[in-house]
N, C-alpha and C. Protein backbone atom coordinates (compact mmCIF):
# COMPACT_ATOMS: atom_id res chain seq x y z
N MET A 1 9.01 -0.91 6.47
CA MET A 1 8.31 -1.17 7.70
C MET A 1 9.01 -2.33 8.40
N LYS A 2 9.26 -2.18 9.66
CA LYS A 2 9.95 -3.22 10.42
C LYS A 2 8.98 -4.32 10.84
N ASP A 3 9.54 -5.49 11.16
CA ASP A 3 8.71 -6.62 11.57
C ASP A 3 7.84 -6.28 12.78
N GLU A 4 8.40 -5.52 13.74
CA GLU A 4 7.64 -5.16 14.94
C GLU A 4 6.41 -4.33 14.57
N GLU A 5 6.56 -3.47 13.56
CA GLU A 5 5.43 -2.64 13.12
C GLU A 5 4.34 -3.49 12.47
N ILE A 6 4.74 -4.49 11.70
CA ILE A 6 3.78 -5.39 11.06
C ILE A 6 2.99 -6.14 12.13
N ILE A 7 3.70 -6.68 13.12
CA ILE A 7 3.04 -7.43 14.20
C ILE A 7 2.05 -6.52 14.95
N LEU A 8 2.47 -5.30 15.25
CA LEU A 8 1.59 -4.35 15.94
C LEU A 8 0.36 -4.05 15.10
N ARG A 9 0.52 -3.87 13.81
CA ARG A 9 -0.63 -3.59 12.93
C ARG A 9 -1.59 -4.77 12.88
N ILE A 10 -1.04 -5.99 12.83
CA ILE A 10 -1.90 -7.18 12.82
C ILE A 10 -2.71 -7.25 14.11
N LYS A 11 -2.05 -7.07 15.24
CA LYS A 11 -2.74 -7.13 16.54
C LYS A 11 -3.76 -6.02 16.70
N THR A 12 -3.43 -4.81 16.23
CA THR A 12 -4.34 -3.68 16.33
C THR A 12 -5.57 -3.90 15.46
N PHE A 13 -5.37 -4.39 14.23
CA PHE A 13 -6.49 -4.69 13.34
C PHE A 13 -7.39 -5.76 13.94
N ASP A 14 -6.79 -6.80 14.49
CA ASP A 14 -7.56 -7.89 15.09
C ASP A 14 -8.40 -7.38 16.26
N ALA A 15 -7.80 -6.60 17.14
CA ALA A 15 -8.52 -6.07 18.30
C ALA A 15 -9.64 -5.11 17.88
N ALA A 16 -9.39 -4.30 16.88
CA ALA A 16 -10.39 -3.33 16.43
C ALA A 16 -11.59 -3.99 15.76
N ASN A 17 -11.40 -5.21 15.29
CA ASN A 17 -12.46 -5.92 14.59
C ASN A 17 -13.02 -7.09 15.38
N GLY A 18 -12.85 -7.07 16.69
CA GLY A 18 -13.47 -8.06 17.55
C GLY A 18 -12.70 -9.34 17.76
N GLY A 19 -11.47 -9.41 17.30
CA GLY A 19 -10.64 -10.60 17.51
C GLY A 19 -10.98 -11.72 16.55
N GLY A 20 -10.40 -12.89 16.81
CA GLY A 20 -10.69 -14.05 15.99
C GLY A 20 -9.67 -14.35 14.91
N VAL A 21 -8.61 -13.53 14.85
CA VAL A 21 -7.58 -13.74 13.83
C VAL A 21 -6.28 -14.14 14.52
N GLY A 22 -5.70 -15.22 14.07
CA GLY A 22 -4.40 -15.65 14.55
C GLY A 22 -3.36 -15.40 13.47
N TRP A 23 -2.10 -15.45 13.86
CA TRP A 23 -1.04 -15.27 12.89
C TRP A 23 0.21 -16.01 13.33
N TYR A 24 1.05 -16.31 12.37
CA TYR A 24 2.35 -16.88 12.66
C TYR A 24 3.32 -16.45 11.58
N GLU A 25 4.61 -16.50 11.90
CA GLU A 25 5.65 -16.14 10.94
C GLU A 25 6.30 -17.41 10.42
N ASP A 26 6.52 -17.46 9.11
CA ASP A 26 7.18 -18.60 8.50
C ASP A 26 7.98 -18.11 7.29
N LYS A 27 9.28 -18.33 7.32
CA LYS A 27 10.18 -17.97 6.22
C LYS A 27 10.06 -16.49 5.84
N GLY A 28 9.93 -15.63 6.84
CA GLY A 28 9.89 -14.19 6.61
C GLY A 28 8.54 -13.63 6.23
N ALA A 29 7.52 -14.48 6.11
CA ALA A 29 6.18 -14.02 5.78
C ALA A 29 5.27 -14.21 6.99
N TYR A 30 4.25 -13.37 7.09
CA TYR A 30 3.27 -13.49 8.16
C TYR A 30 1.99 -14.06 7.58
N HIS A 31 1.49 -15.12 8.20
CA HIS A 31 0.28 -15.81 7.74
C HIS A 31 -0.84 -15.52 8.73
N LEU A 32 -1.98 -15.04 8.23
CA LEU A 32 -3.15 -14.76 9.06
C LEU A 32 -4.20 -15.83 8.81
N TYR A 33 -4.87 -16.25 9.88
CA TYR A 33 -5.88 -17.29 9.75
C TYR A 33 -6.98 -17.06 10.78
N LEU A 34 -8.15 -17.64 10.53
CA LEU A 34 -9.26 -17.57 11.47
C LEU A 34 -9.00 -18.54 12.62
N LEU A 35 -9.09 -18.07 13.84
CA LEU A 35 -8.86 -18.94 14.99
C LEU A 35 -9.90 -20.05 15.10
N GLU A 36 -11.14 -19.73 14.76
CA GLU A 36 -12.24 -20.69 14.93
C GLU A 36 -12.11 -21.90 14.00
N THR A 37 -11.73 -21.65 12.76
CA THR A 37 -11.69 -22.74 11.77
C THR A 37 -10.30 -23.04 11.26
N GLU A 38 -9.33 -22.21 11.61
CA GLU A 38 -7.95 -22.29 11.11
C GLU A 38 -7.86 -22.09 9.60
N ALA A 39 -8.88 -21.50 9.02
CA ALA A 39 -8.88 -21.21 7.58
C ALA A 39 -7.92 -20.04 7.32
N PRO A 40 -7.07 -20.15 6.30
CA PRO A 40 -6.15 -19.05 5.99
C PRO A 40 -6.90 -17.83 5.47
N ILE A 41 -6.41 -16.66 5.85
CA ILE A 41 -7.01 -15.40 5.40
C ILE A 41 -6.08 -14.71 4.41
N ALA A 42 -4.83 -14.50 4.83
CA ALA A 42 -3.91 -13.74 3.99
C ALA A 42 -2.47 -14.07 4.38
N ARG A 43 -1.57 -13.75 3.46
CA ARG A 43 -0.14 -13.87 3.72
C ARG A 43 0.50 -12.53 3.40
N LEU A 44 1.28 -12.01 4.32
CA LEU A 44 2.01 -10.77 4.10
C LEU A 44 3.48 -11.14 3.96
N ARG A 45 4.08 -10.75 2.85
CA ARG A 45 5.49 -11.07 2.67
C ARG A 45 6.22 -9.86 2.12
N PRO A 46 7.48 -9.67 2.55
CA PRO A 46 8.24 -8.52 2.08
C PRO A 46 8.64 -8.70 0.61
N ILE A 47 8.67 -7.60 -0.11
CA ILE A 47 9.14 -7.62 -1.48
C ILE A 47 10.24 -6.56 -1.64
N ALA A 48 11.16 -6.84 -2.51
CA ALA A 48 12.24 -5.89 -2.78
C ALA A 48 11.80 -4.96 -3.90
N SER A 49 12.08 -3.68 -3.72
CA SER A 49 11.73 -2.70 -4.74
C SER A 49 12.77 -1.59 -4.74
N ARG A 50 13.29 -1.28 -5.90
CA ARG A 50 14.27 -0.18 -5.98
C ARG A 50 13.58 1.16 -5.83
N ALA A 51 12.30 1.22 -6.16
CA ALA A 51 11.56 2.49 -6.08
C ALA A 51 11.19 2.84 -4.64
N ILE A 52 11.22 1.87 -3.76
CA ILE A 52 10.85 2.09 -2.36
C ILE A 52 12.09 1.90 -1.50
N SER A 53 12.42 2.92 -0.71
CA SER A 53 13.64 2.85 0.08
C SER A 53 13.52 1.88 1.25
N SER A 54 12.32 1.77 1.83
CA SER A 54 12.12 0.81 2.91
C SER A 54 11.45 -0.44 2.36
N ARG A 55 11.31 -1.44 3.21
CA ARG A 55 10.72 -2.70 2.77
C ARG A 55 9.24 -2.55 2.50
N ALA A 56 8.79 -3.06 1.38
CA ALA A 56 7.37 -3.07 1.04
C ALA A 56 6.83 -4.46 1.30
N TRP A 57 5.51 -4.56 1.46
CA TRP A 57 4.90 -5.84 1.76
C TRP A 57 3.83 -6.16 0.72
N LEU A 58 3.80 -7.40 0.29
CA LEU A 58 2.79 -7.88 -0.63
C LEU A 58 1.80 -8.71 0.17
N ILE A 59 0.52 -8.48 -0.07
CA ILE A 59 -0.52 -9.22 0.64
C ILE A 59 -1.20 -10.16 -0.34
N ASP A 60 -1.16 -11.44 -0.05
CA ASP A 60 -1.87 -12.45 -0.83
C ASP A 60 -3.10 -12.85 -0.02
N PHE A 61 -4.29 -12.60 -0.57
CA PHE A 61 -5.51 -12.97 0.13
C PHE A 61 -5.91 -14.39 -0.24
N HIS A 62 -6.25 -15.19 0.75
CA HIS A 62 -6.64 -16.58 0.54
C HIS A 62 -8.15 -16.77 0.53
N THR A 63 -8.86 -15.83 1.15
CA THR A 63 -10.31 -15.99 1.27
C THR A 63 -10.99 -15.57 -0.02
N PRO A 64 -11.76 -16.45 -0.64
CA PRO A 64 -12.46 -16.04 -1.86
C PRO A 64 -13.52 -14.99 -1.56
N ILE A 65 -13.72 -14.10 -2.49
CA ILE A 65 -14.71 -13.05 -2.33
C ILE A 65 -15.99 -13.47 -3.06
N ALA A 66 -17.09 -13.51 -2.36
CA ALA A 66 -18.37 -13.90 -2.97
C ALA A 66 -18.98 -12.67 -3.62
N LEU A 67 -19.39 -12.81 -4.85
CA LEU A 67 -20.03 -11.72 -5.57
C LEU A 67 -21.54 -11.94 -5.54
N HIS A 68 -22.25 -10.96 -5.06
CA HIS A 68 -23.71 -11.04 -4.98
C HIS A 68 -24.32 -10.11 -6.02
N ARG A 69 -25.31 -10.59 -6.73
CA ARG A 69 -25.99 -9.74 -7.73
C ARG A 69 -27.31 -9.28 -7.21
């Protein structure tokens, strides 16, 4: 997946979910954060894989998930 496709997907996801997500690129990774609080949400970074002919992306989520019982 090309960088332009990643940016388009981030923008499309943000618009479809009411906005509020910002992003920036740093050292080849895309960082997503909440605009209101600047809290980090996730980091998307390319990974090399021989099994995948095109570039794959690893997503690191920063937001803790609350478990409710």
